[in-house]
Amino acid sequence: MESRDDKLIAIIGLLSACLIGVVFLFTMTWLTDVRQPADSGLDVQTCPSVPRTTQQT
């Protein structure tokens, strides 16, 4: 009977450790994403204007 209890405690401990690992990885990924500033889009005024060339066949 005690062997079953030990196996059950070991499985619960393993599942708990996996859950803690997943929560940690999710939190670190979320914090990394939050800290990076969002792209405000392309600033048109700082881009050099490029003349368009058309090809006529």
C-alpha atoms as a PDB file:
ATOM      1  CA  MET A   1       0.000   0.000   0.000  1.00  0.00           C
ATOM      2  CA  GLU A   2       2.808   2.381   0.785  1.00  0.00           C
ATOM      3  CA  SER A   3       4.356   1.772  -2.640  1.00  0.00           C
ATOM      4  CA  ARG A   4       1.190   3.081  -4.299  1.00  0.00           C
ATOM      5  CA  ASP A   5       1.253   6.182  -2.142  1.00  0.00           C
ATOM      6  CA  ASP A   6       4.861   6.833  -3.094  1.00  0.00           C
ATOM      7  CA  LYS A   7       4.069   6.477  -6.801  1.00  0.00           C
ATOM      8  CA  LEU A   8       1.070   8.775  -6.486  1.00  0.00           C
ATOM      9  CA  ILE A   9       3.125  11.406  -4.673  1.00  0.00           C
ATOM     10  CA  ALA A  10       5.853  11.107  -7.320  1.00  0.00           C
ATOM     11  CA  ILE A  11       3.356  11.561 -10.175  1.00  0.00           C
ATOM     12  CA  ILE A  12       1.733  14.544  -8.459  1.00  0.00           C
ATOM     13  CA  GLY A  13       5.164  16.084  -7.878  1.00  0.00           C
ATOM     14  CA  LEU A  14       6.158  15.534 -11.514  1.00  0.00           C
ATOM     15  CA  LEU A  15       2.945  17.062 -12.826  1.00  0.00           C
ATOM     16  CA  SER A  16       3.319  20.006 -10.453  1.00  0.00           C
ATOM     17  CA  ALA A  17       6.871  20.603 -11.631  1.00  0.00           C
ATOM     18  CA  CYS A  18       5.717  20.520 -15.264  1.00  0.00           C
ATOM     19  CA  LEU A  19       2.940  22.991 -14.509  1.00  0.00           C
ATOM     20  CA  ILE A  20       5.351  25.344 -12.767  1.00  0.00           C
ATOM     21  CA  GLY A  21       7.725  25.111 -15.741  1.00  0.00           C
ATOM     22  CA  VAL A  22       4.981  25.900 -18.257  1.00  0.00           C
ATOM     23  CA  VAL A  23       3.742  28.853 -16.196  1.00  0.00           C
ATOM     24  CA  PHE A  24       7.312  30.162 -15.882  1.00  0.00           C
ATOM     25  CA  LEU A  25       7.969  29.909 -19.631  1.00  0.00           C
ATOM     26  CA  PHE A  26       4.631  31.543 -20.457  1.00  0.00           C
ATOM     27  CA  THR A  27       5.311  34.389 -18.010  1.00  0.00           C
ATOM     28  CA  MET A  28       8.811  35.014 -19.367  1.00  0.00           C
ATOM     29  CA  THR A  29       7.523  35.025 -22.951  1.00  0.00           C
ATOM     30  CA  TRP A  30       4.724  37.414 -22.048  1.00  0.00           C
ATOM     31  CA  LEU A  31       7.075  39.779 -20.205  1.00  0.00           C
ATOM     32  CA  THR A  32       9.499  39.790 -23.122  1.00  0.00           C
ATOM     33  CA  ASP A  33       6.682  40.655 -25.507  1.00  0.00           C
ATOM     34  CA  VAL A  34       5.310  43.408 -23.261  1.00  0.00           C
ATOM     35  CA  ARG A  35       8.685  45.105 -22.842  1.00  0.00           C
ATOM     36  CA  GLN A  36       9.272  45.522 -26.579  1.00  0.00           C
ATOM     37  CA  PRO A  37       7.673  48.671 -27.966  1.00  0.00           C
ATOM     38  CA  ALA A  38       5.018  48.175 -30.585  1.00  0.00           C
ATOM     39  CA  ASP A  39       5.895  49.146 -34.119  1.00  0.00           C
ATOM     40  CA  SER A  40       4.267  52.464 -34.839  1.00  0.00           C
ATOM     41  CA  GLY A  41       4.265  51.718 -38.525  1.00  0.00           C
ATOM     42  CA  LEU A  42       6.411  53.095 -41.252  1.00  0.00           C
ATOM     43  CA  ASP A  43       7.286  56.738 -40.833  1.00  0.00           C
ATOM     44  CA  VAL A  44       6.809  58.093 -44.316  1.00  0.00           C
ATOM     45  CA  GLN A  45       8.581  61.385 -43.689  1.00  0.00           C
ATOM     46  CA  THR A  46      11.926  59.776 -42.893  1.00  0.00           C
ATOM     47  CA  CYS A  47      11.972  57.530 -45.953  1.00  0.00           C
ATOM     48  CA  PRO A  48      13.815  58.846 -48.977  1.00  0.00           C
ATOM     49  CA  SER A  49      11.652  59.291 -52.005  1.00  0.00           C
ATOM     50  CA  VAL A  50      12.525  56.966 -54.856  1.00  0.00           C
ATOM     51  CA  PRO A  51      11.561  58.005 -58.358  1.00  0.00           C
ATOM     52  CA  ARG A  52       9.419  55.464 -60.099  1.00  0.00           C
ATOM     53  CA  THR A  53      10.557  54.135 -63.438  1.00  0.00           C
ATOM     54  CA  THR A  54       8.059  52.578 -65.781  1.00  0.00           C
ATOM     55  CA  GLN A  55       8.827  50.071 -68.440  1.00  0.00           C
ATOM     56  CA  GLN A  56       7.079  50.385 -71.712  1.00  0.00           C
ATOM     57  CA  THR A  57       7.117  47.457 -74.076  1.00  0.00           C
END
